[in-house]
């Protein structure tokens, strides 16, 4: 039986399978019901409540899923979770933002409670799949999707499929080494891309300029250094502050070095960037492209591209829903 829901835009959308995607973050869980095409036709969200214990977390998540399909059974559920998963995608091995999930076999627990197939994926991988099916990745069979935020997450698409690697951790773009003796990364190694191009790295470089560069307009933050954010640095750069532009130039150089390595290894020419720092895309994209075109073979110059993601913070929710649909229908199309 085909059921109908009122779409968010007001149009009527046929829903043949009740498939729900959830983006599970440390602060909030966003969930959406996937329509017959590639659109979310109903959505809801709730606070994660990480300090309430595992049982309450699982029960609230199930309640959120039920709220999107009142009176009807759910056919499949997908979850995108920030953390490291086991190769079978059944257990959350470690989640830095949600330690209550560490070691939790979430897939079988939810399948028993929801009585439907449940797919669990890393949040960056889910976001990459979302951009592939419904965002900036449409029409591109190969690309690396990455987010520039507090850290750098990424997902790798090869031949229109997520590439997970032998142990399920492929696509760790943020931990590609760009400067062997560079800054110390949160992972414990030096010179990772994340330590040189993330939002955290931008803030660190900008704070140094604010404290030591008498010519920088960022010096006005010396008495409130915590007020420096990537957005602040972006605005100062747009207003002509040379030190702020140099911060983004350094970030762009590190990005280009890592992207050139991916291009040389995998012959990938499309890179899609999301995350909060992508708000400065118009500033850093030309910088990245200038450096990148100097580092790739002539054959690739003019073909490599850096595209801004389209789905924003909904990418993970979309991707989780698509992963669940693929599992339900037994395909990756």
C-alpha atoms as a PDB file:
ATOM      1  CA  UNK A   1       0.000   0.000   0.000  1.00  0.00           C
ATOM      2  CA  UNK A   2       1.323   3.456  -0.880  1.00  0.00           C
ATOM      3  CA  UNK A   3       0.905   5.994   1.902  1.00  0.00           C
ATOM      4  CA  UNK A   4       1.000   9.767   1.611  1.00  0.00           C
ATOM      5  CA  UNK A   5       2.444  12.546   3.708  1.00  0.00           C
ATOM      6  CA  UNK A   6       2.396  16.288   3.357  1.00  0.00           C
ATOM      7  CA  UNK A   7       5.851  17.380   2.161  1.00  0.00           C
ATOM      8  CA  UNK A   8       7.686  20.237   3.881  1.00  0.00           C
ATOM      9  CA  UNK A   9       7.092  22.475   0.889  1.00  0.00           C
ATOM     10  CA  UNK A  10       3.370  21.825   0.929  1.00  0.00           C
ATOM     11  CA  UNK A  11       3.288  19.384  -1.995  1.00  0.00           C
ATOM     12  CA  UNK A  12       2.096  15.807  -1.587  1.00  0.00           C
ATOM     13  CA  UNK A  13       4.807  13.138  -1.655  1.00  0.00           C
ATOM     14  CA  UNK A  14       4.288   9.388  -2.062  1.00  0.00           C
ATOM     15  CA  UNK A  15       6.114   7.264   0.496  1.00  0.00           C
ATOM     16  CA  UNK A  16       6.418   3.592  -0.465  1.00  0.00           C
ATOM     17  CA  UNK A  17       8.867   2.694   2.309  1.00  0.00           C
ATOM     18  CA  UNK A  18       9.079   4.347   5.675  1.00  0.00           C
ATOM     19  CA  UNK A  19      12.809   4.981   5.935  1.00  0.00           C
ATOM     20  CA  UNK A  20      14.242   7.307   8.553  1.00  0.00           C
ATOM     21  CA  UNK A  21      17.705   8.820   8.717  1.00  0.00           C
ATOM     22  CA  UNK A  22      19.195  10.139  11.965  1.00  0.00           C
ATOM     23  CA  UNK A  23      22.233  12.346  12.469  1.00  0.00           C
ATOM     24  CA  UNK A  24      23.403  11.624  16.003  1.00  0.00           C
ATOM     25  CA  UNK A  25      25.524  14.424  17.412  1.00  0.00           C
ATOM     26  CA  UNK A  26      26.818  15.235  20.861  1.00  0.00           C
ATOM     27  CA  UNK A  27      24.252  18.022  21.336  1.00  0.00           C
ATOM     28  CA  UNK A  28      21.261  17.037  19.209  1.00  0.00           C
ATOM     29  CA  UNK A  29      19.834  14.220  17.117  1.00  0.00           C
ATOM     30  CA  UNK A  30      18.169  15.231  13.859  1.00  0.00           C
ATOM     31  CA  UNK A  31      15.907  12.772  12.096  1.00  0.00           C
ATOM     32  CA  UNK A  32      14.018  12.815   8.814  1.00  0.00           C
ATOM     33  CA  UNK A  33      11.600  10.616   6.896  1.00  0.00           C
ATOM     34  CA  UNK A  34      12.791   9.948   3.356  1.00  0.00           C
ATOM     35  CA  UNK A  35      10.306  10.468   0.547  1.00  0.00           C
ATOM     36  CA  UNK A  36       9.911   8.328  -2.556  1.00  0.00           C
ATOM     37  CA  UNK A  37      12.585  10.405  -4.295  1.00  0.00           C
ATOM     38  CA  UNK A  38      15.597  11.991  -2.640  1.00  0.00           C
ATOM     39  CA  UNK A  39      13.845  14.435  -0.339  1.00  0.00           C
ATOM     40  CA  UNK A  40      13.076  14.551   3.378  1.00  0.00           C
ATOM     41  CA  UNK A  41       9.318  14.913   3.792  1.00  0.00           C
ATOM     42  CA  UNK A  42       9.093  15.127   7.572  1.00  0.00           C
ATOM     43  CA  UNK A  43      11.682  15.954  10.198  1.00  0.00           C
ATOM     44  CA  UNK A  44      12.139  16.286  13.937  1.00  0.00           C
ATOM     45  CA  UNK A  45      14.972  16.605  16.413  1.00  0.00           C
ATOM     46  CA  UNK A  46      15.739  16.291  20.088  1.00  0.00           C
ATOM     47  CA  UNK A  47      18.586  16.951  22.496  1.00  0.00           C
ATOM     48  CA  UNK A  48      20.992  14.040  22.831  1.00  0.00           C
ATOM     49  CA  UNK A  49      21.041  14.058  26.648  1.00  0.00           C
ATOM     50  CA  UNK A  50      24.371  12.245  26.826  1.00  0.00           C
ATOM     51  CA  UNK A  51      24.392  12.471  30.626  1.00  0.00           C
ATOM     52  CA  UNK A  52      21.136  10.529  31.048  1.00  0.00           C
ATOM     53  CA  UNK A  53      22.551   7.048  30.529  1.00  0.00           C
ATOM     54  CA  UNK A  54      22.445   4.510  27.713  1.00  0.00           C
ATOM     55  CA  UNK A  55      18.941   3.201  28.306  1.00  0.00           C
ATOM     56  CA  UNK A  56      17.375   6.653  28.247  1.00  0.00           C
ATOM     57  CA  UNK A  57      19.402   7.571  25.151  1.00  0.00           C
ATOM     58  CA  UNK A  58      18.170   4.484  23.273  1.00  0.00           C
ATOM     59  CA  UNK A  59      14.554   4.974  24.375  1.00  0.00           C
ATOM     60  CA  UNK A  60      14.526   8.645  23.374  1.00  0.00           C
ATOM     61  CA  UNK A  61      16.031   7.771  20.001  1.00  0.00           C
ATOM     62  CA  UNK A  62      13.296   5.191  19.432  1.00  0.00           C
ATOM     63  CA  UNK A  63      10.669   7.757  20.424  1.00  0.00           C
ATOM     64  CA  UNK A  64      12.110  10.202  17.894  1.00  0.00           C
ATOM     65  CA  UNK A  65      11.906   7.571  15.143  1.00  0.00           C
ATOM     66  CA  UNK A  66       8.315   6.766  16.100  1.00  0.00           C
ATOM     67  CA  UNK A  67       7.353  10.439  16.006  1.00  0.00           C
ATOM     68  CA  UNK A  68       8.135  10.545  12.272  1.00  0.00           C
ATOM     69  CA  UNK A  69       5.872   7.623  11.435  1.00  0.00           C
ATOM     70  CA  UNK A  70       2.868   7.839  13.778  1.00  0.00           C
ATOM     71  CA  UNK A  71       0.591   4.843  13.500  1.00  0.00           C
ATOM     72  CA  UNK A  72       2.804   3.031  10.986  1.00  0.00           C
ATOM     73  CA  UNK A  73       5.697   0.599  11.281  1.00  0.00           C
ATOM     74  CA  UNK A  74       9.108   1.847  10.169  1.00  0.00           C
ATOM     75  CA  UNK A  75      10.788  -0.172   7.409  1.00  0.00           C
ATOM     76  CA  UNK A  76      14.431   0.831   8.032  1.00  0.00           C
ATOM     77  CA  UNK A  77      16.485   3.291  10.052  1.00  0.00           C
ATOM     78  CA  UNK A  78      19.929   4.724   9.349  1.00  0.00           C
ATOM     79  CA  UNK A  79      22.177   6.465  11.862  1.00  0.00           C
ATOM     80  CA  UNK A  80      25.191   8.662  11.223  1.00  0.00           C
ATOM     81  CA  UNK A  81      27.327   8.821  14.365  1.00  0.00           C
ATOM     82  CA  UNK A  82      30.494  10.777  15.106  1.00  0.00           C
ATOM     83  CA  UNK A  83      32.905   8.066  16.136  1.00  0.00           C
ATOM     84  CA  UNK A  84      34.778   4.912  15.255  1.00  0.00           C
ATOM     85  CA  UNK A  85      32.714   1.844  14.371  1.00  0.00           C
ATOM     86  CA  UNK A  86      33.661  -1.813  14.145  1.00  0.00           C
ATOM     87  CA  UNK A  87      34.076  -3.329  10.677  1.00  0.00           C
ATOM     88  CA  UNK A  88      30.643  -4.952  10.865  1.00  0.00           C
ATOM     89  CA  UNK A  89      29.012  -1.591  11.603  1.00  0.00           C
ATOM     90  CA  UNK A  90      27.232  -3.028  14.654  1.00  0.00           C
ATOM     91  CA  UNK A  91      29.139  -1.459  17.550  1.00  0.00           C
ATOM     92  CA  UNK A  92      30.336   2.034  18.392  1.00  0.00           C
ATOM     93  CA  UNK A  93      33.935   1.452  19.458  1.00  0.00           C
ATOM     94  CA  UNK A  94      34.632   5.034  20.474  1.00  0.00           C
ATOM     95  CA  UNK A  95      32.714   8.293  20.217  1.00  0.00           C
ATOM     96  CA  UNK A  96      34.654  11.308  21.527  1.00  0.00           C
ATOM     97  CA  UNK A  97      31.530  13.486  21.801  1.00  0.00           C
ATOM     98  CA  UNK A  98      29.316  10.735  23.250  1.00  0.00           C
ATOM     99  CA  UNK A  99      31.387   8.506  25.535  1.00  0.00           C
ATOM    100  CA  UNK A 100      28.243   6.784  26.805  1.00  0.00           C
ATOM    101  CA  UNK A 101      28.149   4.972  23.438  1.00  0.00           C
ATOM    102  CA  UNK A 102      31.695   3.596  23.709  1.00  0.00           C
ATOM    103  CA  UNK A 103      31.589  -0.179  23.223  1.00  0.00           C
ATOM    104  CA  UNK A 104      27.800  -0.202  22.750  1.00  0.00           C
ATOM    105  CA  UNK A 105      26.399  -2.731  20.255  1.00  0.00           C
ATOM    106  CA  UNK A 106      23.844  -0.187  19.080  1.00  0.00           C
ATOM    107  CA  UNK A 107      22.662  -1.910  15.890  1.00  0.00           C
ATOM    108  CA  UNK A 108      21.233  -5.112  17.473  1.00  0.00           C
ATOM    109  CA  UNK A 109      19.782  -3.158  20.378  1.00  0.00           C
ATOM    110  CA  UNK A 110      17.882  -0.796  18.086  1.00  0.00           C
ATOM    111  CA  UNK A 111      16.808  -3.554  15.701  1.00  0.00           C
ATOM    112  CA  UNK A 112      15.234  -5.417  18.605  1.00  0.00           C
ATOM    113  CA  UNK A 113      13.417  -2.327  19.844  1.00  0.00           C
ATOM    114  CA  UNK A 114      12.385  -0.899  16.466  1.00  0.00           C
ATOM    115  CA  UNK A 115      11.733  -4.269  14.798  1.00  0.00           C
ATOM    116  CA  UNK A 116      13.320  -3.178  11.524  1.00  0.00           C
ATOM    117  CA  UNK A 117      16.762  -3.157   9.884  1.00  0.00           C
ATOM    118  CA  UNK A 118      19.142  -0.536  11.309  1.00  0.00           C
ATOM    119  CA  UNK A 119      22.251   0.733   9.511  1.00  0.00           C
ATOM    120  CA  UNK A 120      24.990   2.569  11.401  1.00  0.00           C
ATOM    121  CA  UNK A 121      27.654   4.648   9.673  1.00  0.00           C
ATOM    122  CA  UNK A 122      30.269   7.209  10.596  1.00  0.00           C
ATOM    123  CA  UNK A 123      28.777  10.688  10.363  1.00  0.00           C
ATOM    124  CA  UNK A 124      31.262  11.980   7.767  1.00  0.00           C
ATOM    125  CA  UNK A 125      30.676   8.932   5.567  1.00  0.00           C
ATOM    126  CA  UNK A 126      26.929   9.453   5.893  1.00  0.00           C
ATOM    127  CA  UNK A 127      27.333  13.104   4.909  1.00  0.00           C
ATOM    128  CA  UNK A 128      29.368  12.100   1.843  1.00  0.00           C
ATOM    129  CA  UNK A 129      26.593   9.724   0.792  1.00  0.00           C
ATOM    130  CA  UNK A 130      24.027  12.473   1.352  1.00  0.00           C
ATOM    131  CA  UNK A 131      25.918  14.895  -0.894  1.00  0.00           C
ATOM    132  CA  UNK A 132      26.303  12.139  -3.520  1.00  0.00           C
ATOM    133  CA  UNK A 133      22.584  11.438  -3.756  1.00  0.00           C
ATOM    134  CA  UNK A 134      20.988  14.797  -2.997  1.00  0.00           C
ATOM    135  CA  UNK A 135      23.655  17.494  -2.908  1.00  0.00           C
ATOM    136  CA  UNK A 136      26.778  18.799  -4.587  1.00  0.00           C
ATOM    137  CA  UNK A 137      27.993  15.290  -5.445  1.00  0.00           C
ATOM    138  CA  UNK A 138      25.215  14.532  -7.902  1.00  0.00           C
ATOM    139  CA  UNK A 139      26.737  13.761 -11.278  1.00  0.00           C
ATOM    140  CA  UNK A 140      30.178  13.018  -9.806  1.00  0.00           C
ATOM    141  CA  UNK A 141      31.079   9.343  -9.548  1.00  0.00           C
ATOM    142  CA  UNK A 142      34.319   9.983  -7.634  1.00  0.00           C
ATOM    143  CA  UNK A 143      34.970  12.621  -5.001  1.00  0.00           C
ATOM    144  CA  UNK A 144      36.313  13.291  -1.556  1.00  0.00           C
ATOM    145  CA  UNK A 145      33.866  15.044   0.743  1.00  0.00           C
ATOM    146  CA  UNK A 146      35.307  16.747   3.800  1.00  0.00           C
ATOM    147  CA  UNK A 147      34.074  19.041   6.537  1.00  0.00           C
ATOM    148  CA  UNK A 148      36.034  21.937   7.957  1.00  0.00           C
ATOM    149  CA  UNK A 149      34.901  22.456  11.515  1.00  0.00           C
ATOM    150  CA  UNK A 150      36.525  22.083  14.910  1.00  0.00           C
ATOM    151  CA  UNK A 151      38.298  19.142  13.265  1.00  0.00           C
ATOM    152  CA  UNK A 152      38.236  17.697   9.763  1.00  0.00           C
ATOM    153  CA  UNK A 153      36.009  14.762   8.892  1.00  0.00           C
ATOM    154  CA  UNK A 154      35.691  13.169   5.484  1.00  0.00           C
ATOM    155  CA  UNK A 155      34.102  10.485   3.355  1.00  0.00           C
ATOM    156  CA  UNK A 156      35.419   8.958   0.144  1.00  0.00           C
ATOM    157  CA  UNK A 157      33.168   8.151  -2.826  1.00  0.00           C
ATOM    158  CA  UNK A 158      34.546   5.819  -5.514  1.00  0.00           C
ATOM    159  CA  UNK A 159      32.388   4.694  -8.440  1.00  0.00           C
ATOM    160  CA  UNK A 160      29.333   6.192  -6.709  1.00  0.00           C
ATOM    161  CA  UNK A 161      29.875   4.083  -3.596  1.00  0.00           C
ATOM    162  CA  UNK A 162      31.255   4.771  -0.151  1.00  0.00           C
ATOM    163  CA  UNK A 163      34.768   3.381   0.161  1.00  0.00           C
ATOM    164  CA  UNK A 164      35.367   2.146   3.708  1.00  0.00           C
ATOM    165  CA  UNK A 165      38.686   0.321   3.364  1.00  0.00           C
ATOM    166  CA  UNK A 166      39.811  -2.888   5.023  1.00  0.00           C
ATOM    167  CA  UNK A 167      39.029  -1.802   8.581  1.00  0.00           C
ATOM    168  CA  UNK A 168      36.229   0.629   7.851  1.00  0.00           C
ATOM    169  CA  UNK A 169      38.225   3.788   8.521  1.00  0.00           C
ATOM    170  CA  UNK A 170      39.031   4.975   4.996  1.00  0.00           C
ATOM    171  CA  UNK A 171      38.785   8.670   4.240  1.00  0.00           C
ATOM    172  CA  UNK A 172      40.596  10.066   7.300  1.00  0.00           C
ATOM    173  CA  UNK A 173      41.566  13.130   5.299  1.00  0.00           C
ATOM    174  CA  UNK A 174      42.154  15.196   8.422  1.00  0.00           C
ATOM    175  CA  UNK A 175      45.030  12.975   9.473  1.00  0.00           C
ATOM    176  CA  UNK A 176      46.965  13.035   6.234  1.00  0.00           C
ATOM    177  CA  UNK A 177      50.419  14.396   7.086  1.00  0.00           C
ATOM    178  CA  UNK A 178      51.091  17.701   5.332  1.00  0.00           C
ATOM    179  CA  UNK A 179      54.065  18.945   7.366  1.00  0.00           C
ATOM    180  CA  UNK A 180      56.048  16.114   9.066  1.00  0.00           C
ATOM    181  CA  UNK A 181      57.446  18.437  11.745  1.00  0.00           C
ATOM    182  CA  UNK A 182      54.341  20.583  11.932  1.00  0.00           C
ATOM    183  CA  UNK A 183      51.835  21.390  14.651  1.00  0.00           C
ATOM    184  CA  UNK A 184      50.788  18.797  17.205  1.00  0.00           C
ATOM    185  CA  UNK A 185      47.423  17.266  16.322  1.00  0.00           C
ATOM    186  CA  UNK A 186      44.786  16.067  18.750  1.00  0.00           C
ATOM    187  CA  UNK A 187      45.493  12.512  17.580  1.00  0.00           C
ATOM    188  CA  UNK A 188      49.012  12.760  19.018  1.00  0.00           C
ATOM    189  CA  UNK A 189      50.907  13.030  15.728  1.00  0.00           C
ATOM    190  CA  UNK A 190      52.511  16.116  14.233  1.00  0.00           C
ATOM    191  CA  UNK A 191      51.711  17.798  10.958  1.00  0.00           C
ATOM    192  CA  UNK A 192      48.221  16.401  10.316  1.00  0.00           C
ATOM    193  CA  UNK A 193      45.999  18.413   8.005  1.00  0.00           C
ATOM    194  CA  UNK A 194      43.574  18.895  10.894  1.00  0.00           C
ATOM    195  CA  UNK A 195      46.294  20.670  12.886  1.00  0.00           C
ATOM    196  CA  UNK A 196      46.849  23.129  10.027  1.00  0.00           C
ATOM    197  CA  UNK A 197      43.507  23.670   8.270  1.00  0.00           C
ATOM    198  CA  UNK A 198      40.637  23.075  10.706  1.00  0.00           C
ATOM    199  CA  UNK A 199      38.632  25.729  12.489  1.00  0.00           C
ATOM    200  CA  UNK A 200      40.763  25.092  15.555  1.00  0.00           C
ATOM    201  CA  UNK A 201      43.937  25.671  13.518  1.00  0.00           C
ATOM    202  CA  UNK A 202      42.554  28.915  12.092  1.00  0.00           C
ATOM    203  CA  UNK A 203      41.779  30.197  15.589  1.00  0.00           C
ATOM    204  CA  UNK A 204      45.257  29.261  16.837  1.00  0.00           C
ATOM    205  CA  UNK A 205      46.994  31.081  13.978  1.00  0.00           C
ATOM    206  CA  UNK A 206      44.724  34.102  14.358  1.00  0.00           C
ATOM    207  CA  UNK A 207      45.315  34.320  18.103  1.00  0.00           C
ATOM    208  CA  UNK A 208      49.052  34.339  17.475  1.00  0.00           C
ATOM    209  CA  UNK A 209      48.603  37.228  15.032  1.00  0.00           C
ATOM    210  CA  UNK A 210      46.386  39.099  17.477  1.00  0.00           C
ATOM    211  CA  UNK A 211      49.002  38.883  20.229  1.00  0.00           C
ATOM    212  CA  UNK A 212      52.153  39.552  18.212  1.00  0.00           C
ATOM    213  CA  UNK A 213      51.311  41.448  15.023  1.00  0.00           C
ATOM    214  CA  UNK A 214      50.966  45.166  15.679  1.00  0.00           C
ATOM    215  CA  UNK A 215      49.688  45.744  12.139  1.00  0.00           C
ATOM    216  CA  UNK A 216      46.833  43.258  12.340  1.00  0.00           C
ATOM    217  CA  UNK A 217      43.305  44.474  13.050  1.00  0.00           C
ATOM    218  CA  UNK A 218      42.916  41.310  15.146  1.00  0.00           C
ATOM    219  CA  UNK A 219      44.941  43.014  17.890  1.00  0.00           C
ATOM    220  CA  UNK A 220      41.667  44.491  19.151  1.00  0.00           C
ATOM    221  CA  UNK A 221      40.951  41.004  20.575  1.00  0.00           C
ATOM    222  CA  UNK A 222      43.977  40.931  22.872  1.00  0.00           C
ATOM    223  CA  UNK A 223      41.809  41.497  25.931  1.00  0.00           C
ATOM    224  CA  UNK A 224      39.150  39.013  24.788  1.00  0.00           C
ATOM    225  CA  UNK A 225      41.108  36.423  22.845  1.00  0.00           C
ATOM    226  CA  UNK A 226      38.291  33.882  23.244  1.00  0.00           C
ATOM    227  CA  UNK A 227      36.214  36.056  20.922  1.00  0.00           C
ATOM    228  CA  UNK A 228      38.285  35.045  17.902  1.00  0.00           C
ATOM    229  CA  UNK A 229      36.429  32.567  15.701  1.00  0.00           C
ATOM    230  CA  UNK A 230      36.962  31.479  12.081  1.00  0.00           C
ATOM    231  CA  UNK A 231      34.047  33.748  11.140  1.00  0.00           C
ATOM    232  CA  UNK A 232      35.739  36.729  12.812  1.00  0.00           C
ATOM    233  CA  UNK A 233      39.003  36.005  10.979  1.00  0.00           C
ATOM    234  CA  UNK A 234      37.085  35.706   7.709  1.00  0.00           C
ATOM    235  CA  UNK A 235      35.434  39.110   8.172  1.00  0.00           C
ATOM    236  CA  UNK A 236      38.746  40.770   9.028  1.00  0.00           C
ATOM    237  CA  UNK A 237      40.329  39.183   5.955  1.00  0.00           C
ATOM    238  CA  UNK A 238      37.487  40.459   3.765  1.00  0.00           C
ATOM    239  CA  UNK A 239      38.023  43.937   5.201  1.00  0.00           C
ATOM    240  CA  UNK A 240      41.645  43.869   4.095  1.00  0.00           C
ATOM    241  CA  UNK A 241      43.563  42.695   7.141  1.00  0.00           C
ATOM    242  CA  UNK A 242      46.761  41.156   5.759  1.00  0.00           C
ATOM    243  CA  UNK A 243      47.382  38.955   8.810  1.00  0.00           C
ATOM    244  CA  UNK A 244      43.907  37.442   8.576  1.00  0.00           C
ATOM    245  CA  UNK A 245      44.395  36.724   4.886  1.00  0.00           C
ATOM    246  CA  UNK A 246      47.711  35.056   5.715  1.00  0.00           C
ATOM    247  CA  UNK A 247      45.885  32.738   8.139  1.00  0.00           C
ATOM    248  CA  UNK A 248      43.602  31.567   5.348  1.00  0.00           C
ATOM    249  CA  UNK A 249      46.542  31.408   2.942  1.00  0.00           C
ATOM    250  CA  UNK A 250      48.340  29.023   5.317  1.00  0.00           C
ATOM    251  CA  UNK A 251      45.181  26.962   5.763  1.00  0.00           C
ATOM    252  CA  UNK A 252      44.653  26.843   1.980  1.00  0.00           C
ATOM    253  CA  UNK A 253      48.234  25.718   1.340  1.00  0.00           C
ATOM    254  CA  UNK A 254      47.858  22.798   3.756  1.00  0.00           C
ATOM    255  CA  UNK A 255      44.562  21.817   2.125  1.00  0.00           C
ATOM    256  CA  UNK A 256      46.063  21.956  -1.354  1.00  0.00           C
ATOM    257  CA  UNK A 257      49.010  19.762  -0.341  1.00  0.00           C
ATOM    258  CA  UNK A 258      46.659  17.102   1.014  1.00  0.00           C
ATOM    259  CA  UNK A 259      44.288  17.348  -1.956  1.00  0.00           C
ATOM    260  CA  UNK A 260      47.168  16.999  -4.413  1.00  0.00           C
ATOM    261  CA  UNK A 261      48.221  13.812  -2.632  1.00  0.00           C
ATOM    262  CA  UNK A 262      44.715  12.383  -3.002  1.00  0.00           C
ATOM    263  CA  UNK A 263      44.675  13.369  -6.665  1.00  0.00           C
ATOM    264  CA  UNK A 264      48.023  11.680  -7.328  1.00  0.00           C
ATOM    265  CA  UNK A 265      47.018   8.500  -5.503  1.00  0.00           C
ATOM    266  CA  UNK A 266      43.423   8.027  -6.643  1.00  0.00           C
ATOM    267  CA  UNK A 267      43.092  10.266  -9.728  1.00  0.00           C
ATOM    268  CA  UNK A 268      40.196  12.063  -8.031  1.00  0.00           C
ATOM    269  CA  UNK A 269      39.496  15.547  -9.356  1.00  0.00           C
ATOM    270  CA  UNK A 270      36.421  16.563  -7.363  1.00  0.00           C
ATOM    271  CA  UNK A 271      36.568  17.715  -3.746  1.00  0.00           C
ATOM    272  CA  UNK A 272      33.460  18.842  -1.866  1.00  0.00           C
ATOM    273  CA  UNK A 273      33.817  20.927   1.275  1.00  0.00           C
ATOM    274  CA  UNK A 274      31.260  21.422   4.007  1.00  0.00           C
ATOM    275  CA  UNK A 275      31.314  22.327   7.684  1.00  0.00           C
ATOM    276  CA  UNK A 276      31.191  25.662   9.448  1.00  0.00           C
ATOM    277  CA  UNK A 277      34.440  27.018   7.963  1.00  0.00           C
ATOM    278  CA  UNK A 278      33.058  26.469   4.454  1.00  0.00           C
ATOM    279  CA  UNK A 279      31.281  29.772   5.054  1.00  0.00           C
ATOM    280  CA  UNK A 280      34.607  31.328   4.031  1.00  0.00           C
ATOM    281  CA  UNK A 281      34.647  29.317   0.786  1.00  0.00           C
ATOM    282  CA  UNK A 282      34.702  32.399  -1.455  1.00  0.00           C
ATOM    283  CA  UNK A 283      37.909  33.536   0.255  1.00  0.00           C
ATOM    284  CA  UNK A 284      39.931  30.333   0.540  1.00  0.00           C
ATOM    285  CA  UNK A 285      38.792  28.485  -2.599  1.00  0.00           C
ATOM    286  CA  UNK A 286      40.888  30.591  -5.038  1.00  0.00           C
ATOM    287  CA  UNK A 287      43.857  30.241  -2.688  1.00  0.00           C
ATOM    288  CA  UNK A 288      43.472  26.460  -2.608  1.00  0.00           C
ATOM    289  CA  UNK A 289      43.074  26.209  -6.364  1.00  0.00           C
ATOM    290  CA  UNK A 290      46.164  28.317  -7.092  1.00  0.00           C
ATOM    291  CA  UNK A 291      48.306  26.074  -4.913  1.00  0.00           C
ATOM    292  CA  UNK A 292      46.620  22.854  -6.031  1.00  0.00           C
ATOM    293  CA  UNK A 293      47.141  23.549  -9.720  1.00  0.00           C
ATOM    294  CA  UNK A 294      50.844  24.019  -9.042  1.00  0.00           C
ATOM    295  CA  UNK A 295      51.041  20.627  -7.349  1.00  0.00           C
ATOM    296  CA  UNK A 296      49.122  18.316  -9.706  1.00  0.00           C
ATOM    297  CA  UNK A 297      50.255  17.045 -13.101  1.00  0.00           C
ATOM    298  CA  UNK A 298      49.523  19.252 -16.100  1.00  0.00           C
ATOM    299  CA  UNK A 299      46.919  16.727 -17.226  1.00  0.00           C
ATOM    300  CA  UNK A 300      44.868  17.473 -14.107  1.00  0.00           C
ATOM    301  CA  UNK A 301      45.211  21.255 -14.127  1.00  0.00           C
ATOM    302  CA  UNK A 302      41.914  22.839 -14.953  1.00  0.00           C
ATOM    303  CA  UNK A 303      40.082  19.632 -14.057  1.00  0.00           C
ATOM    304  CA  UNK A 304      40.522  19.599 -10.289  1.00  0.00           C
ATOM    305  CA  UNK A 305      37.712  21.409  -8.551  1.00  0.00           C
ATOM    306  CA  UNK A 306      36.712  22.392  -5.035  1.00  0.00           C
ATOM    307  CA  UNK A 307      32.931  22.577  -4.666  1.00  0.00           C
ATOM    308  CA  UNK A 308      30.956  23.861  -1.713  1.00  0.00           C
ATOM    309  CA  UNK A 309      28.555  21.314  -0.194  1.00  0.00           C
ATOM    310  CA  UNK A 310      24.837  21.938  -0.656  1.00  0.00           C
ATOM    311  CA  UNK A 311      23.072  20.095   2.165  1.00  0.00           C
ATOM    312  CA  UNK A 312      24.686  21.892   5.076  1.00  0.00           C
ATOM    313  CA  UNK A 313      23.978  20.328   8.451  1.00  0.00           C
ATOM    314  CA  UNK A 314      21.383  17.989   6.904  1.00  0.00           C
ATOM    315  CA  UNK A 315      23.928  15.977   4.892  1.00  0.00           C
ATOM    316  CA  UNK A 316      24.400  13.324   7.573  1.00  0.00           C
ATOM    317  CA  UNK A 317      20.661  12.852   8.042  1.00  0.00           C
ATOM    318  CA  UNK A 318      20.140  12.443   4.286  1.00  0.00           C
ATOM    319  CA  UNK A 319      23.059  10.033   3.969  1.00  0.00           C
ATOM    320  CA  UNK A 320      21.912   7.897   6.882  1.00  0.00           C
ATOM    321  CA  UNK A 321      18.468   7.592   5.274  1.00  0.00           C
ATOM    322  CA  UNK A 322      19.998   6.622   1.913  1.00  0.00           C
ATOM    323  CA  UNK A 323      22.200   3.998   3.597  1.00  0.00           C
ATOM    324  CA  UNK A 324      19.117   2.516   5.257  1.00  0.00           C
ATOM    325  CA  UNK A 325      17.221   2.507   1.958  1.00  0.00           C
ATOM    326  CA  UNK A 326      20.115   0.743   0.237  1.00  0.00           C
ATOM    327  CA  UNK A 327      20.129  -1.934   2.937  1.00  0.00           C
ATOM    328  CA  UNK A 328      16.359  -2.393   2.713  1.00  0.00           C
ATOM    329  CA  UNK A 329      16.251  -2.631  -1.058  1.00  0.00           C
ATOM    330  CA  UNK A 330      19.462  -4.628  -1.341  1.00  0.00           C
ATOM    331  CA  UNK A 331      21.208  -2.196  -3.678  1.00  0.00           C
ATOM    332  CA  UNK A 332      23.503   0.797  -3.677  1.00  0.00           C
ATOM    333  CA  UNK A 333      21.628   2.685  -6.379  1.00  0.00           C
END
